[in-house]
């Protein structure tokens, strides 16, 4: 980011991220351990800082990301992750406008974010990451990924498989035109997934059920619901 962020907030955000990595994301090991693993990949790391708030009320986030670059230029289908077209969101909104009430029950649009989405995935490769200097450890130490990290080439594909398994186990089927669109036939709930952003259409009762399904699998943030009769300003910003 080009924005000048308060130093104390940046330090606090970095500490929070490193604490999470130490508890959940990696196991610290000597670099000689990586040399013993066939096919092991060692990647660099960098910090990505952003302000989720504004200049008056800053909300600084620090994300430690891997820097895995495809130097060979080869394409690997196993690294592919789907992204829905904007029309998928528009389809959901149009569907609500067309039928705001179904069988006497008002329909709602709900918006849910999955926190630290990629970290829910388990790596399929042995990937070691160089440690940031803020840890104060010698350069001979590396972090073995036990959870997927942003910046590794297959993290998006593994996250897609992770949320797909959760939705399909709950009775959803994915669309033919876009695999990021899901529908539950019995409950008449439609979901469009864009990264960690879930936009959902259904009745309050069925959206409550979907929220419970997601809470059981992930750490989520419920952004809110839109629809006739909903409390609040009936306005939500998504995808920036």
C-alpha atoms as a PDB file:
ATOM      1  CA  UNK A   1       0.000   0.000   0.000  1.00  0.00           C
ATOM      2  CA  UNK A   2       1.124   3.577  -0.703  1.00  0.00           C
ATOM      3  CA  UNK A   3      -0.835   4.872   2.275  1.00  0.00           C
ATOM      4  CA  UNK A   4       1.163   5.920   5.330  1.00  0.00           C
ATOM      5  CA  UNK A   5      -0.206   3.796   8.164  1.00  0.00           C
ATOM      6  CA  UNK A   6       0.234   4.398  11.923  1.00  0.00           C
ATOM      7  CA  UNK A   7       3.349   2.548  13.084  1.00  0.00           C
ATOM      8  CA  UNK A   8       1.790   1.174  16.263  1.00  0.00           C
ATOM      9  CA  UNK A   9      -1.181  -0.260  14.365  1.00  0.00           C
ATOM     10  CA  UNK A  10       1.099  -1.840  11.774  1.00  0.00           C
ATOM     11  CA  UNK A  11       3.181  -3.488  14.509  1.00  0.00           C
ATOM     12  CA  UNK A  12       0.060  -4.792  16.243  1.00  0.00           C
ATOM     13  CA  UNK A  13      -1.296  -6.201  12.972  1.00  0.00           C
ATOM     14  CA  UNK A  14       2.011  -7.947  12.220  1.00  0.00           C
ATOM     15  CA  UNK A  15       2.107  -9.474  15.710  1.00  0.00           C
ATOM     16  CA  UNK A  16      -1.435 -10.753  15.290  1.00  0.00           C
ATOM     17  CA  UNK A  17      -0.620 -12.364  11.939  1.00  0.00           C
ATOM     18  CA  UNK A  18       2.569 -13.999  13.206  1.00  0.00           C
ATOM     19  CA  UNK A  19       0.784 -15.372  16.266  1.00  0.00           C
ATOM     20  CA  UNK A  20      -1.793 -16.963  13.968  1.00  0.00           C
ATOM     21  CA  UNK A  21       0.903 -18.435  11.722  1.00  0.00           C
ATOM     22  CA  UNK A  22       2.738 -19.904  14.708  1.00  0.00           C
ATOM     23  CA  UNK A  23      -0.433 -21.511  16.042  1.00  0.00           C
ATOM     24  CA  UNK A  24      -2.120 -22.678  12.845  1.00  0.00           C
ATOM     25  CA  UNK A  25      -0.255 -22.209   9.579  1.00  0.00           C
ATOM     26  CA  UNK A  26       3.303 -23.540   9.801  1.00  0.00           C
ATOM     27  CA  UNK A  27       5.772 -25.682  11.666  1.00  0.00           C
ATOM     28  CA  UNK A  28       9.192 -24.081  12.056  1.00  0.00           C
ATOM     29  CA  UNK A  29      12.035 -26.334  10.909  1.00  0.00           C
ATOM     30  CA  UNK A  30      15.704 -26.171   9.902  1.00  0.00           C
ATOM     31  CA  UNK A  31      16.403 -25.638   6.215  1.00  0.00           C
ATOM     32  CA  UNK A  32      18.309 -28.929   6.175  1.00  0.00           C
ATOM     33  CA  UNK A  33      14.971 -30.652   6.857  1.00  0.00           C
ATOM     34  CA  UNK A  34      13.584 -29.195   3.624  1.00  0.00           C
ATOM     35  CA  UNK A  35      16.584 -30.571   1.735  1.00  0.00           C
ATOM     36  CA  UNK A  36      15.597 -34.079   2.815  1.00  0.00           C
ATOM     37  CA  UNK A  37      12.081 -33.837   1.343  1.00  0.00           C
ATOM     38  CA  UNK A  38      11.681 -34.886  -2.293  1.00  0.00           C
ATOM     39  CA  UNK A  39       9.991 -32.204  -4.365  1.00  0.00           C
ATOM     40  CA  UNK A  40       9.995 -29.666  -1.527  1.00  0.00           C
ATOM     41  CA  UNK A  41       9.550 -26.058  -2.578  1.00  0.00           C
ATOM     42  CA  UNK A  42      11.120 -23.134  -0.709  1.00  0.00           C
ATOM     43  CA  UNK A  43       9.478 -19.750  -1.350  1.00  0.00           C
ATOM     44  CA  UNK A  44      10.067 -16.221  -0.148  1.00  0.00           C
ATOM     45  CA  UNK A  45       7.565 -14.167   1.825  1.00  0.00           C
ATOM     46  CA  UNK A  46       6.439 -10.558   1.972  1.00  0.00           C
ATOM     47  CA  UNK A  47       4.038  -8.395   3.947  1.00  0.00           C
ATOM     48  CA  UNK A  48       0.886  -6.926   2.421  1.00  0.00           C
ATOM     49  CA  UNK A  49      -0.537  -4.094   4.523  1.00  0.00           C
ATOM     50  CA  UNK A  50      -3.911  -2.469   4.035  1.00  0.00           C
ATOM     51  CA  UNK A  51      -6.309  -0.177   5.836  1.00  0.00           C
ATOM     52  CA  UNK A  52      -9.803  -1.665   5.997  1.00  0.00           C
ATOM     53  CA  UNK A  53     -11.047   1.517   7.641  1.00  0.00           C
ATOM     54  CA  UNK A  54     -10.350   5.114   6.649  1.00  0.00           C
ATOM     55  CA  UNK A  55      -8.015   7.966   7.564  1.00  0.00           C
ATOM     56  CA  UNK A  56     -10.044   8.894  10.632  1.00  0.00           C
ATOM     57  CA  UNK A  57     -10.700   5.377  11.919  1.00  0.00           C
ATOM     58  CA  UNK A  58      -7.937   3.136  10.542  1.00  0.00           C
ATOM     59  CA  UNK A  59      -8.300  -0.638  10.686  1.00  0.00           C
ATOM     60  CA  UNK A  60      -4.877  -1.933   9.712  1.00  0.00           C
ATOM     61  CA  UNK A  61      -4.466  -5.509   8.530  1.00  0.00           C
ATOM     62  CA  UNK A  62      -1.185  -7.273   7.850  1.00  0.00           C
ATOM     63  CA  UNK A  63      -1.099 -10.391   5.715  1.00  0.00           C
ATOM     64  CA  UNK A  64       2.017 -12.504   5.312  1.00  0.00           C
ATOM     65  CA  UNK A  65       1.983 -13.959   1.807  1.00  0.00           C
ATOM     66  CA  UNK A  66       4.184 -16.389  -0.069  1.00  0.00           C
ATOM     67  CA  UNK A  67       5.948 -15.381  -3.273  1.00  0.00           C
ATOM     68  CA  UNK A  68       5.726 -18.488  -5.422  1.00  0.00           C
ATOM     69  CA  UNK A  69       6.501 -17.503  -9.005  1.00  0.00           C
ATOM     70  CA  UNK A  70       5.978 -19.733 -12.024  1.00  0.00           C
ATOM     71  CA  UNK A  71       9.480 -19.340 -13.435  1.00  0.00           C
ATOM     72  CA  UNK A  72       9.079 -22.273 -15.811  1.00  0.00           C
ATOM     73  CA  UNK A  73       6.021 -20.772 -17.441  1.00  0.00           C
ATOM     74  CA  UNK A  74       4.219 -24.115 -17.418  1.00  0.00           C
ATOM     75  CA  UNK A  75       0.490 -24.350 -16.877  1.00  0.00           C
ATOM     76  CA  UNK A  76      -0.767 -26.849 -14.323  1.00  0.00           C
ATOM     77  CA  UNK A  77      -4.479 -27.614 -14.342  1.00  0.00           C
ATOM     78  CA  UNK A  78      -4.348 -28.715 -10.697  1.00  0.00           C
ATOM     79  CA  UNK A  79      -3.606 -25.077  -9.778  1.00  0.00           C
ATOM     80  CA  UNK A  80      -6.689 -23.716 -11.567  1.00  0.00           C
ATOM     81  CA  UNK A  81      -9.334 -21.982  -9.435  1.00  0.00           C
ATOM     82  CA  UNK A  82     -12.711 -20.818 -10.732  1.00  0.00           C
ATOM     83  CA  UNK A  83     -13.922 -17.241 -10.481  1.00  0.00           C
ATOM     84  CA  UNK A  84     -17.530 -16.360 -11.319  1.00  0.00           C
ATOM     85  CA  UNK A  85     -18.296 -13.674 -13.892  1.00  0.00           C
ATOM     86  CA  UNK A  86     -19.975 -10.523 -12.614  1.00  0.00           C
ATOM     87  CA  UNK A  87     -23.121 -11.785 -14.354  1.00  0.00           C
ATOM     88  CA  UNK A  88     -23.404 -14.454 -11.660  1.00  0.00           C
ATOM     89  CA  UNK A  89     -23.968 -11.793  -9.006  1.00  0.00           C
ATOM     90  CA  UNK A  90     -26.306  -9.900 -11.319  1.00  0.00           C
ATOM     91  CA  UNK A  91     -28.275 -13.096 -11.907  1.00  0.00           C
ATOM     92  CA  UNK A  92     -28.788 -13.473  -8.166  1.00  0.00           C
ATOM     93  CA  UNK A  93     -29.974  -9.875  -7.783  1.00  0.00           C
ATOM     94  CA  UNK A  94     -32.290 -10.190 -10.785  1.00  0.00           C
ATOM     95  CA  UNK A  95     -33.707 -13.398  -9.386  1.00  0.00           C
ATOM     96  CA  UNK A  96     -34.570 -11.589  -6.154  1.00  0.00           C
ATOM     97  CA  UNK A  97     -36.212  -8.692  -7.984  1.00  0.00           C
ATOM     98  CA  UNK A  98     -38.233 -11.109 -10.106  1.00  0.00           C
ATOM     99  CA  UNK A  99     -39.499 -13.087  -7.099  1.00  0.00           C
ATOM    100  CA  UNK A 100     -39.164 -11.119  -3.833  1.00  0.00           C
ATOM    101  CA  UNK A 101     -41.791 -13.402  -2.272  1.00  0.00           C
ATOM    102  CA  UNK A 102     -41.930 -17.182  -2.744  1.00  0.00           C
ATOM    103  CA  UNK A 103     -44.813 -19.245  -1.354  1.00  0.00           C
ATOM    104  CA  UNK A 104     -45.830 -16.349   0.854  1.00  0.00           C
ATOM    105  CA  UNK A 105     -42.358 -15.922   2.400  1.00  0.00           C
ATOM    106  CA  UNK A 106     -40.111 -12.895   1.697  1.00  0.00           C
ATOM    107  CA  UNK A 107     -36.779 -13.658   0.033  1.00  0.00           C
ATOM    108  CA  UNK A 108     -33.518 -12.146   1.273  1.00  0.00           C
ATOM    109  CA  UNK A 109     -30.048 -11.549  -0.080  1.00  0.00           C
ATOM    110  CA  UNK A 110     -27.426 -12.384   2.527  1.00  0.00           C
ATOM    111  CA  UNK A 111     -23.720 -11.607   2.436  1.00  0.00           C
ATOM    112  CA  UNK A 112     -21.131 -13.712   4.282  1.00  0.00           C
ATOM    113  CA  UNK A 113     -17.336 -13.482   4.258  1.00  0.00           C
ATOM    114  CA  UNK A 114     -15.093 -16.362   5.298  1.00  0.00           C
ATOM    115  CA  UNK A 115     -12.220 -15.089   7.419  1.00  0.00           C
ATOM    116  CA  UNK A 116      -8.715 -16.237   6.448  1.00  0.00           C
ATOM    117  CA  UNK A 117     -10.297 -18.383   3.759  1.00  0.00           C
ATOM    118  CA  UNK A 118      -7.202 -19.953   2.209  1.00  0.00           C
ATOM    119  CA  UNK A 119      -5.928 -21.069   5.605  1.00  0.00           C
ATOM    120  CA  UNK A 120      -8.806 -23.565   5.717  1.00  0.00           C
ATOM    121  CA  UNK A 121      -7.098 -25.591   2.988  1.00  0.00           C
ATOM    122  CA  UNK A 122      -4.512 -28.300   3.648  1.00  0.00           C
ATOM    123  CA  UNK A 123      -1.485 -28.254   1.296  1.00  0.00           C
ATOM    124  CA  UNK A 124      -0.992 -31.120  -1.133  1.00  0.00           C
ATOM    125  CA  UNK A 125       2.702 -30.310  -1.577  1.00  0.00           C
ATOM    126  CA  UNK A 126       5.603 -29.795   0.779  1.00  0.00           C
ATOM    127  CA  UNK A 127       6.070 -26.030   0.720  1.00  0.00           C
ATOM    128  CA  UNK A 128       8.534 -24.265   3.013  1.00  0.00           C
ATOM    129  CA  UNK A 129       8.465 -20.493   3.417  1.00  0.00           C
ATOM    130  CA  UNK A 130      11.339 -18.277   4.431  1.00  0.00           C
ATOM    131  CA  UNK A 131      10.567 -16.592   7.721  1.00  0.00           C
ATOM    132  CA  UNK A 132      10.117 -12.826   8.072  1.00  0.00           C
ATOM    133  CA  UNK A 133      12.798 -10.991  10.075  1.00  0.00           C
ATOM    134  CA  UNK A 134      10.172  -9.888  12.610  1.00  0.00           C
ATOM    135  CA  UNK A 135      10.305 -13.377  14.130  1.00  0.00           C
ATOM    136  CA  UNK A 136      13.927 -12.864  15.104  1.00  0.00           C
ATOM    137  CA  UNK A 137      14.942 -16.389  14.077  1.00  0.00           C
ATOM    138  CA  UNK A 138      18.145 -17.287  12.184  1.00  0.00           C
ATOM    139  CA  UNK A 139      17.939 -17.484   8.370  1.00  0.00           C
ATOM    140  CA  UNK A 140      18.520 -21.245   8.516  1.00  0.00           C
ATOM    141  CA  UNK A 141      14.976 -21.670   9.852  1.00  0.00           C
ATOM    142  CA  UNK A 142      11.981 -22.179   7.550  1.00  0.00           C
ATOM    143  CA  UNK A 143       8.256 -22.562   7.978  1.00  0.00           C
ATOM    144  CA  UNK A 144       6.691 -25.805   6.696  1.00  0.00           C
ATOM    145  CA  UNK A 145       3.154 -25.028   5.553  1.00  0.00           C
ATOM    146  CA  UNK A 146       0.490 -27.153   7.255  1.00  0.00           C
ATOM    147  CA  UNK A 147      -2.199 -24.786   5.982  1.00  0.00           C
ATOM    148  CA  UNK A 148      -2.403 -23.133   2.576  1.00  0.00           C
ATOM    149  CA  UNK A 149      -0.941 -19.649   2.355  1.00  0.00           C
ATOM    150  CA  UNK A 150      -1.923 -16.757   0.122  1.00  0.00           C
ATOM    151  CA  UNK A 151       0.589 -16.476  -2.693  1.00  0.00           C
ATOM    152  CA  UNK A 152       1.177 -20.186  -3.249  1.00  0.00           C
ATOM    153  CA  UNK A 153       0.075 -21.293  -6.700  1.00  0.00           C
ATOM    154  CA  UNK A 154      -2.424 -23.949  -5.654  1.00  0.00           C
ATOM    155  CA  UNK A 155      -3.986 -22.178  -2.664  1.00  0.00           C
ATOM    156  CA  UNK A 156      -6.998 -20.944  -4.654  1.00  0.00           C
ATOM    157  CA  UNK A 157      -7.717 -24.384  -6.110  1.00  0.00           C
ATOM    158  CA  UNK A 158      -7.502 -26.047  -2.697  1.00  0.00           C
ATOM    159  CA  UNK A 159      -9.797 -23.421  -1.159  1.00  0.00           C
ATOM    160  CA  UNK A 160     -12.312 -24.042  -3.957  1.00  0.00           C
ATOM    161  CA  UNK A 161     -12.274 -27.778  -3.214  1.00  0.00           C
ATOM    162  CA  UNK A 162     -12.656 -27.023   0.506  1.00  0.00           C
ATOM    163  CA  UNK A 163     -15.773 -24.850   0.284  1.00  0.00           C
ATOM    164  CA  UNK A 164     -17.219 -27.053  -2.477  1.00  0.00           C
ATOM    165  CA  UNK A 165     -17.010 -30.110  -0.216  1.00  0.00           C
ATOM    166  CA  UNK A 166     -18.854 -28.224   2.541  1.00  0.00           C
ATOM    167  CA  UNK A 167     -21.660 -27.006   0.258  1.00  0.00           C
ATOM    168  CA  UNK A 168     -22.109 -30.301  -1.572  1.00  0.00           C
ATOM    169  CA  UNK A 169     -22.208 -32.207   1.723  1.00  0.00           C
ATOM    170  CA  UNK A 170     -25.079 -29.897   2.732  1.00  0.00           C
ATOM    171  CA  UNK A 171     -27.033 -30.771  -0.429  1.00  0.00           C
ATOM    172  CA  UNK A 172     -25.961 -28.069  -2.897  1.00  0.00           C
ATOM    173  CA  UNK A 173     -25.129 -28.735  -6.538  1.00  0.00           C
ATOM    174  CA  UNK A 174     -22.912 -26.455  -8.620  1.00  0.00           C
ATOM    175  CA  UNK A 175     -23.930 -24.812 -11.872  1.00  0.00           C
ATOM    176  CA  UNK A 176     -22.992 -25.869 -15.389  1.00  0.00           C
ATOM    177  CA  UNK A 177     -22.296 -22.369 -16.725  1.00  0.00           C
ATOM    178  CA  UNK A 178     -20.256 -21.421 -13.636  1.00  0.00           C
ATOM    179  CA  UNK A 179     -19.013 -23.876 -10.987  1.00  0.00           C
ATOM    180  CA  UNK A 180     -19.051 -20.994  -8.478  1.00  0.00           C
ATOM    181  CA  UNK A 181     -22.874 -20.889  -8.502  1.00  0.00           C
ATOM    182  CA  UNK A 182     -24.597 -23.375  -6.203  1.00  0.00           C
ATOM    183  CA  UNK A 183     -28.260 -24.243  -5.710  1.00  0.00           C
ATOM    184  CA  UNK A 184     -30.061 -26.269  -3.050  1.00  0.00           C
ATOM    185  CA  UNK A 185     -33.141 -27.757  -4.719  1.00  0.00           C
ATOM    186  CA  UNK A 186     -35.064 -28.671  -1.566  1.00  0.00           C
ATOM    187  CA  UNK A 187     -34.491 -25.378   0.222  1.00  0.00           C
ATOM    188  CA  UNK A 188     -34.432 -23.152  -2.896  1.00  0.00           C
ATOM    189  CA  UNK A 189     -31.224 -21.414  -1.772  1.00  0.00           C
ATOM    190  CA  UNK A 190     -28.796 -20.053  -4.360  1.00  0.00           C
ATOM    191  CA  UNK A 191     -25.179 -19.185  -3.526  1.00  0.00           C
ATOM    192  CA  UNK A 192     -22.556 -17.359  -5.598  1.00  0.00           C
ATOM    193  CA  UNK A 193     -18.977 -17.708  -4.320  1.00  0.00           C
ATOM    194  CA  UNK A 194     -16.303 -15.186  -5.284  1.00  0.00           C
ATOM    195  CA  UNK A 195     -13.104 -15.972  -3.383  1.00  0.00           C
ATOM    196  CA  UNK A 196     -14.084 -15.676   0.278  1.00  0.00           C
ATOM    197  CA  UNK A 197     -17.273 -13.750  -0.527  1.00  0.00           C
ATOM    198  CA  UNK A 198     -20.559 -15.707  -0.381  1.00  0.00           C
ATOM    199  CA  UNK A 199     -23.705 -14.002  -1.696  1.00  0.00           C
ATOM    200  CA  UNK A 200     -26.856 -15.971  -0.984  1.00  0.00           C
ATOM    201  CA  UNK A 201     -30.549 -15.857  -1.868  1.00  0.00           C
ATOM    202  CA  UNK A 202     -33.281 -17.533   0.164  1.00  0.00           C
ATOM    203  CA  UNK A 203     -35.816 -17.089   2.938  1.00  0.00           C
ATOM    204  CA  UNK A 204     -34.716 -16.041   6.416  1.00  0.00           C
ATOM    205  CA  UNK A 205     -35.252 -19.576   7.684  1.00  0.00           C
ATOM    206  CA  UNK A 206     -33.116 -21.163   4.992  1.00  0.00           C
ATOM    207  CA  UNK A 207     -30.428 -18.487   5.207  1.00  0.00           C
ATOM    208  CA  UNK A 208     -30.238 -19.118   8.961  1.00  0.00           C
ATOM    209  CA  UNK A 209     -29.652 -22.794   8.131  1.00  0.00           C
ATOM    210  CA  UNK A 210     -26.942 -21.926   5.591  1.00  0.00           C
ATOM    211  CA  UNK A 211     -25.248 -19.676   8.134  1.00  0.00           C
ATOM    212  CA  UNK A 212     -25.146 -22.568  10.617  1.00  0.00           C
ATOM    213  CA  UNK A 213     -23.616 -24.838   7.954  1.00  0.00           C
ATOM    214  CA  UNK A 214     -20.892 -22.315   7.259  1.00  0.00           C
ATOM    215  CA  UNK A 215     -20.239 -21.519  10.924  1.00  0.00           C
ATOM    216  CA  UNK A 216     -19.676 -25.217  11.566  1.00  0.00           C
ATOM    217  CA  UNK A 217     -16.960 -25.326   8.900  1.00  0.00           C
ATOM    218  CA  UNK A 218     -15.345 -21.879   8.853  1.00  0.00           C
ATOM    219  CA  UNK A 219     -14.817 -18.690  10.801  1.00  0.00           C
ATOM    220  CA  UNK A 220     -17.227 -16.304   9.118  1.00  0.00           C
ATOM    221  CA  UNK A 221     -18.320 -12.675   9.179  1.00  0.00           C
ATOM    222  CA  UNK A 222     -21.994 -12.046   8.457  1.00  0.00           C
ATOM    223  CA  UNK A 223     -22.150  -8.785   6.538  1.00  0.00           C
ATOM    224  CA  UNK A 224     -25.934  -8.541   6.666  1.00  0.00           C
ATOM    225  CA  UNK A 225     -29.095  -9.108   4.676  1.00  0.00           C
ATOM    226  CA  UNK A 226     -31.004  -7.071   2.136  1.00  0.00           C
ATOM    227  CA  UNK A 227     -34.676  -7.177   1.269  1.00  0.00           C
ATOM    228  CA  UNK A 228     -38.020  -5.555   1.843  1.00  0.00           C
ATOM    229  CA  UNK A 229     -38.587  -5.268   5.586  1.00  0.00           C
ATOM    230  CA  UNK A 230     -34.945  -5.837   6.602  1.00  0.00           C
ATOM    231  CA  UNK A 231     -33.572  -3.576   9.321  1.00  0.00           C
ATOM    232  CA  UNK A 232     -30.863  -1.058   8.583  1.00  0.00           C
ATOM    233  CA  UNK A 233     -30.007   0.999   5.493  1.00  0.00           C
ATOM    234  CA  UNK A 234     -30.525  -1.909   3.040  1.00  0.00           C
ATOM    235  CA  UNK A 235     -27.095  -1.214   1.550  1.00  0.00           C
ATOM    236  CA  UNK A 236     -23.999  -3.433   1.461  1.00  0.00           C
ATOM    237  CA  UNK A 237     -20.715  -2.996  -0.400  1.00  0.00           C
ATOM    238  CA  UNK A 238     -19.083  -6.106  -1.852  1.00  0.00           C
ATOM    239  CA  UNK A 239     -15.988  -6.777  -4.005  1.00  0.00           C
ATOM    240  CA  UNK A 240     -14.800  -3.235  -3.167  1.00  0.00           C
END
